Amino acid sequence: TSSSYPINLPSPILLSSSMVLAIAATGSFFELFGPNPKFGFGPTAAIAAIGLPSCLFLFYAAILKGMAETEEDDREYNKPRRL
């Protein structure tokens, strides 16, 4: 069985991870254009290069997982109930 989302974690965790990576990547880009990057050029460039695509992927995964969670909740709560 294949799932409709790439990572099986709760959507808030995926979204928060995406935000942290976006902040780190943005900070790294600014560090690269400064006079002396705090961690050196190599590690800072690696954080920037890996962080941006990773944050975009995690953001996309959070959207897909959130939609799947919403559909699952809708199926659960829209069942006919016996009184």
Protein backbone atom coordinates (compact mmCIF):
# COMPACT_ATOMS: atom_id res chain seq x y z
CA THR A 1 0.00 0.00 0.00
CA SER A 2 1.29 3.43 -0.86
CA SER A 3 0.46 6.50 1.16
CA SER A 4 -0.45 9.88 -0.26
CA TYR A 5 2.27 11.61 1.76
CA PRO A 6 6.06 11.21 1.66
CA ILE A 7 6.90 11.20 5.41
CA ASN A 8 4.83 9.53 8.11
CA LEU A 9 5.13 12.15 10.84
CA PRO A 10 2.42 14.46 12.21
CA SER A 11 1.97 17.54 10.04
CA PRO A 12 2.84 20.04 12.84
CA ILE A 13 6.25 18.37 13.26
CA LEU A 14 6.89 18.53 9.51
CA LEU A 15 5.84 22.17 9.37
CA SER A 16 7.93 23.22 12.37
CA SER A 17 10.96 21.39 10.95
CA SER A 18 10.45 23.23 7.68
CA MET A 19 10.35 26.58 9.49
CA VAL A 20 13.54 25.86 11.45
CA LEU A 21 15.38 24.84 8.28
CA ALA A 22 14.12 27.91 6.43
CA ILE A 23 15.41 30.18 9.20
CA ALA A 24 18.78 28.39 9.28
CA ALA A 25 19.14 28.52 5.49
CA THR A 26 18.21 32.21 5.35
CA GLY A 27 20.68 33.03 8.11
CA SER A 28 23.37 31.05 6.30
CA PHE A 29 22.76 32.97 3.08
CA PHE A 30 23.20 36.24 4.95
CA GLU A 31 26.34 34.89 6.64
CA LEU A 32 27.83 33.96 3.25
CA PHE A 33 27.58 37.53 2.03
CA GLY A 34 29.09 38.93 5.23
CA PRO A 35 32.82 39.48 5.71
CA ASN A 36 33.53 36.38 7.86
CA PRO A 37 31.02 33.52 8.13
CA LYS A 38 30.82 32.32 11.73
CA PHE A 39 31.36 28.63 10.91
CA GLY A 40 33.56 29.19 7.86
CA PHE A 41 32.54 29.21 4.22
CA GLY A 42 32.17 25.45 3.67
CA PRO A 43 29.80 24.54 6.52
CA THR A 44 27.78 27.73 6.05
CA ALA A 45 27.39 27.09 2.31
CA ALA A 46 26.41 23.47 3.03
CA ILE A 47 23.72 24.56 5.50
CA ALA A 48 22.38 27.04 2.97
CA ALA A 49 22.50 24.57 0.06
CA ILE A 50 20.92 21.68 1.96
CA GLY A 51 18.56 23.73 4.12
CA LEU A 52 16.57 25.46 1.39
CA PRO A 53 15.56 22.38 -0.64
CA SER A 54 14.96 20.43 2.57
CA CYS A 55 12.67 23.09 4.00
CA LEU A 56 10.69 23.23 0.75
CA PHE A 57 10.34 19.43 0.73
CA LEU A 58 9.24 19.34 4.38
CA PHE A 59 6.74 22.15 3.74
CA TYR A 60 5.29 20.17 0.81
CA ALA A 61 5.22 17.00 2.96
CA ALA A 62 3.43 18.91 5.74
CA ILE A 63 0.74 20.06 3.32
CA LEU A 64 0.18 16.55 1.96
CA LYS A 65 0.16 15.00 5.44
CA GLY A 66 -2.21 17.70 6.72
CA MET A 67 -4.61 16.99 3.86
CA ALA A 68 -4.45 13.25 4.58
CA GLU A 69 -5.07 13.86 8.30
CA THR A 70 -8.04 16.09 7.48
CA GLU A 71 -9.54 13.47 5.16
CA GLU A 72 -9.10 10.81 7.84
CA ASP A 73 -10.77 13.04 10.45
CA ASP A 74 -13.61 13.81 8.05
CA ARG A 75 -14.23 10.10 7.46
CA GLU A 76 -14.19 9.44 11.20
CA TYR A 77 -16.46 12.28 12.29
CA ASN A 78 -18.90 12.18 9.37
CA LYS A 79 -19.99 8.61 10.06
CA PRO A 80 -23.66 8.19 10.87
CA ARG A 81 -24.06 7.85 14.62
CA ARG A 82 -26.51 5.79 16.56
CA LEU A 83 -28.39 7.64 19.24
